[in-house]
Amino acid sequence: MGTLRAGLSLPDDFRIHDLRHGYVTDALDAGQNPVEVSANVRHHSPGYTMERYGKRRAAGAKKLAASNASRVGLSTLV
């Protein structure tokens, strides 16, 4: 019997932690409550979760705002 990694055809450098990271990223991007996401992955606080993942979300929010502003004819955001 082979390893779980081999059975699932996962790359040699794949780590279970990568799944956890992906979950947090996807959940926050989908707008889930950071308190619940933090509890689900057993971070010690929502602040820790947002410290680690909040910067990525802030950049995404700015990009979305710029896209929306462009769509309604605003060239810059105030």
N, C-alpha and C. Protein backbone atom coordinates (compact mmCIF):
# COMPACT_ATOMS: atom_id res chain seq x y z
N MET A 1 0.85 -1.19 0.00
CA MET A 1 0.00 0.00 0.00
C MET A 1 0.89 1.24 0.00
N GLY A 2 0.62 2.19 -0.89
CA GLY A 2 1.42 3.41 -1.01
C GLY A 2 0.98 4.46 -0.01
N THR A 3 1.62 5.59 -0.10
CA THR A 3 1.28 6.70 0.79
C THR A 3 0.01 7.39 0.30
N LEU A 4 -0.60 8.14 1.19
CA LEU A 4 -1.78 8.91 0.83
C LEU A 4 -1.43 9.89 -0.28
N ARG A 5 -0.26 10.51 -0.19
CA ARG A 5 0.17 11.45 -1.21
C ARG A 5 0.22 10.78 -2.58
N ALA A 6 0.79 9.59 -2.65
CA ALA A 6 0.88 8.87 -3.92
C ALA A 6 -0.51 8.45 -4.39
N GLY A 7 -1.33 7.98 -3.46
CA GLY A 7 -2.68 7.55 -3.81
C GLY A 7 -3.53 8.67 -4.38
N LEU A 8 -3.27 9.90 -3.93
CA LEU A 8 -4.02 11.06 -4.42
C LEU A 8 -3.31 11.79 -5.55
N SER A 9 -2.17 11.24 -5.96
CA SER A 9 -1.35 11.84 -7.03
C SER A 9 -0.95 13.28 -6.72
N LEU A 10 -0.59 13.52 -5.47
CA LEU A 10 -0.16 14.85 -5.07
C LEU A 10 1.34 15.00 -5.32
N PRO A 11 1.78 16.22 -5.63
CA PRO A 11 3.21 16.43 -5.84
C PRO A 11 4.02 16.16 -4.58
N ASP A 12 5.29 15.81 -4.75
CA ASP A 12 6.14 15.49 -3.61
C ASP A 12 6.29 16.64 -2.64
N ASP A 13 6.20 17.88 -3.14
CA ASP A 13 6.39 19.02 -2.25
C ASP A 13 5.08 19.52 -1.64
N PHE A 14 3.98 18.81 -1.86
CA PHE A 14 2.69 19.20 -1.29
C PHE A 14 2.67 18.93 0.21
N ARG A 15 2.14 19.91 0.95
CA ARG A 15 2.01 19.76 2.40
C ARG A 15 0.55 19.92 2.80
N ILE A 16 0.12 19.21 3.81
CA ILE A 16 -1.25 19.35 4.31
C ILE A 16 -1.52 20.80 4.70
N HIS A 17 -0.50 21.47 5.23
CA HIS A 17 -0.65 22.87 5.61
C HIS A 17 -1.09 23.72 4.42
N ASP A 18 -0.71 23.32 3.21
CA ASP A 18 -1.12 24.06 2.02
C ASP A 18 -2.65 24.05 1.87
N LEU A 19 -3.28 22.95 2.23
CA LEU A 19 -4.75 22.89 2.19
C LEU A 19 -5.35 23.87 3.18
N ARG A 20 -4.77 23.94 4.35
CA ARG A 20 -5.25 24.85 5.39
C ARG A 20 -5.13 26.29 4.92
N HIS A 21 -3.98 26.63 4.36
CA HIS A 21 -3.76 27.97 3.86
C HIS A 21 -4.77 28.31 2.76
N GLY A 22 -4.98 27.36 1.87
CA GLY A 22 -5.95 27.57 0.80
C GLY A 22 -7.35 27.79 1.33
N TYR A 23 -7.72 27.03 2.36
CA TYR A 23 -9.05 27.19 2.95
C TYR A 23 -9.22 28.60 3.50
N VAL A 24 -8.24 29.07 4.28
CA VAL A 24 -8.34 30.40 4.89
C VAL A 24 -8.46 31.46 3.79
N THR A 25 -7.60 31.37 2.81
CA THR A 25 -7.61 32.34 1.72
C THR A 25 -8.95 32.34 0.99
N ASP A 26 -9.43 31.17 0.61
CA ASP A 26 -10.69 31.07 -0.12
C ASP A 26 -11.88 31.52 0.72
N ALA A 27 -11.89 31.15 2.00
CA ALA A 27 -13.00 31.52 2.87
C ALA A 27 -13.08 33.03 3.06
N LEU A 28 -11.94 33.66 3.30
CA LEU A 28 -11.94 35.10 3.48
C LEU A 28 -12.28 35.82 2.18
N ASP A 29 -11.77 35.33 1.06
CA ASP A 29 -12.09 35.93 -0.24
C ASP A 29 -13.58 35.81 -0.54
N ALA A 30 -14.22 34.76 -0.03
CA ALA A 30 -15.65 34.55 -0.25
C ALA A 30 -16.50 35.38 0.70
N GLY A 31 -15.85 36.12 1.60
CA GLY A 31 -16.58 36.99 2.51
C GLY A 31 -17.03 36.35 3.81
N GLN A 32 -16.49 35.19 4.12
CA GLN A 32 -16.87 34.55 5.38
C GLN A 32 -16.34 35.36 6.57
N ASN A 33 -17.00 35.23 7.67
CA ASN A 33 -16.65 35.95 8.89
C ASN A 33 -15.26 35.54 9.36
N PRO A 34 -14.33 36.49 9.50
CA PRO A 34 -12.97 36.17 9.95
C PRO A 34 -12.91 35.47 11.31
N VAL A 35 -13.86 35.77 12.18
CA VAL A 35 -13.90 35.11 13.50
C VAL A 35 -14.15 33.62 13.33
N GLU A 36 -15.09 33.28 12.46
CA GLU A 36 -15.41 31.87 12.23
C GLU A 36 -14.27 31.15 11.51
N VAL A 37 -13.68 31.82 10.52
CA VAL A 37 -12.57 31.22 9.79
C VAL A 37 -11.41 30.96 10.75
N SER A 38 -11.11 31.93 11.58
CA SER A 38 -10.03 31.79 12.55
C SER A 38 -10.29 30.62 13.49
N ALA A 39 -11.51 30.50 13.96
CA ALA A 39 -11.86 29.39 14.86
C ALA A 39 -11.76 28.04 14.14
N ASN A 40 -12.18 28.00 12.88
CA ASN A 40 -12.14 26.75 12.13
C ASN A 40 -10.73 26.21 11.95
N VAL A 41 -9.75 27.09 11.81
CA VAL A 41 -8.37 26.64 11.63
C VAL A 41 -7.57 26.71 12.92
N ARG A 42 -8.28 27.01 14.00
CA ARG A 42 -7.70 27.03 15.35
C ARG A 42 -6.54 28.00 15.51
N HIS A 43 -6.66 29.16 14.83
CA HIS A 43 -5.72 30.24 15.12
C HIS A 43 -6.06 30.77 16.51
N HIS A 44 -5.09 31.35 17.19
CA HIS A 44 -5.34 31.79 18.56
C HIS A 44 -6.22 33.02 18.64
N SER A 45 -6.37 33.75 17.54
CA SER A 45 -7.28 34.91 17.53
C SER A 45 -7.60 35.31 16.10
N PRO A 46 -8.75 35.96 15.91
CA PRO A 46 -9.07 36.49 14.58
C PRO A 46 -8.04 37.54 14.14
N GLY A 47 -7.48 38.25 15.11
CA GLY A 47 -6.46 39.25 14.78
C GLY A 47 -5.25 38.60 14.12
N TYR A 48 -4.87 37.44 14.61
CA TYR A 48 -3.74 36.71 14.01
C TYR A 48 -4.08 36.33 12.57
N THR A 49 -5.29 35.82 12.36
CA THR A 49 -5.71 35.42 11.02
C THR A 49 -5.66 36.61 10.08
N MET A 50 -6.19 37.75 10.51
CA MET A 50 -6.23 38.92 9.64
C MET A 50 -4.84 39.52 9.45
N GLU A 51 -3.98 39.38 10.45
CA GLU A 51 -2.60 39.85 10.30
C GLU A 51 -1.91 39.08 9.18
N ARG A 52 -2.14 37.78 9.15
CA ARG A 52 -1.51 36.93 8.15
C ARG A 52 -2.15 37.05 6.77
N TYR A 53 -3.47 37.21 6.71
CA TYR A 53 -4.19 37.15 5.44
C TYR A 53 -4.83 38.47 5.03
N GLY A 54 -4.87 39.44 5.91
CA GLY A 54 -5.56 40.71 5.65
C GLY A 54 -4.94 41.55 4.56
N LYS A 55 -3.63 41.52 4.44
CA LYS A 55 -2.96 42.35 3.43
C LYS A 55 -3.37 41.93 2.04
N ARG A 56 -3.46 40.64 1.84
CA ARG A 56 -3.90 40.13 0.54
C ARG A 56 -5.32 40.58 0.24
N ARG A 57 -6.16 40.55 1.25
CA ARG A 57 -7.55 40.95 1.08
C ARG A 57 -7.65 42.45 0.82
N ALA A 58 -6.81 43.25 1.48
CA ALA A 58 -6.84 44.70 1.27
C ALA A 58 -6.46 45.03 -0.17
N ALA A 59 -5.46 44.35 -0.69
CA ALA A 59 -5.04 44.58 -2.08
C ALA A 59 -6.18 44.20 -3.04
N GLY A 60 -6.84 43.10 -2.74
CA GLY A 60 -7.96 42.67 -3.58
C GLY A 60 -9.12 43.66 -3.53
N ALA A 61 -9.38 44.21 -2.35
CA ALA A 61 -10.45 45.19 -2.20
C ALA A 61 -10.14 46.46 -2.99
N LYS A 62 -8.89 46.89 -2.97
CA LYS A 62 -8.50 48.08 -3.74
C LYS A 62 -8.66 47.83 -5.24
N LYS A 63 -8.27 46.65 -5.67
CA LYS A 63 -8.40 46.30 -7.09
C LYS A 63 -9.87 46.28 -7.50
N LEU A 64 -10.72 45.71 -6.67
CA LEU A 64 -12.15 45.66 -6.96
C LEU A 64 -12.74 47.06 -6.99
N ALA A 65 -12.36 47.90 -6.02
CA ALA A 65 -12.87 49.27 -5.99
C ALA A 65 -12.45 50.04 -7.24
N ALA A 66 -11.21 49.87 -7.66
CA ALA A 66 -10.73 50.55 -8.87
C ALA A 66 -11.50 50.07 -10.09
N SER A 67 -11.75 48.78 -10.16
CA SER A 67 -12.50 48.22 -11.28
C SER A 67 -13.92 48.78 -11.32
N ASN A 68 -14.56 48.85 -10.16
CA ASN A 68 -15.92 49.38 -10.09
C ASN A 68 -15.95 50.87 -10.44
N ALA A 69 -14.96 51.61 -9.98
CA ALA A 69 -14.88 53.04 -10.28
C ALA A 69 -14.72 53.25 -11.78
N SER A 70 -13.88 52.43 -12.40
CA SER A 70 -13.68 52.54 -13.83
C SER A 70 -14.96 52.24 -14.59
N ARG A 71 -15.71 51.26 -14.11
CA ARG A 71 -16.95 50.85 -14.77
C ARG A 71 -17.98 51.96 -14.77
N VAL A 72 -17.98 52.82 -13.73
CA VAL A 72 -18.97 53.91 -13.67
C VAL A 72 -18.37 55.23 -14.15
N GLY A 73 -17.19 55.17 -14.74
CA GLY A 73 -16.63 56.36 -15.37
C GLY A 73 -15.73 57.22 -14.49
N LEU A 74 -15.32 56.73 -13.35
CA LEU A 74 -14.41 57.48 -12.50
C LEU A 74 -12.99 57.03 -12.82
N SER A 75 -12.12 57.99 -13.06
CA SER A 75 -10.75 57.61 -13.41
C SER A 75 -9.89 57.36 -12.17
N THR A 76 -10.23 57.98 -11.05
CA THR A 76 -9.48 57.77 -9.82
C THR A 76 -10.43 57.68 -8.65
N LEU A 77 -9.93 57.12 -7.59
CA LEU A 77 -10.71 57.06 -6.35
C LEU A 77 -10.25 58.15 -5.42
N VAL A 78 -11.15 58.77 -4.75
CA VAL A 78 -10.79 59.84 -3.81
C VAL A 78 -10.46 59.24 -2.49
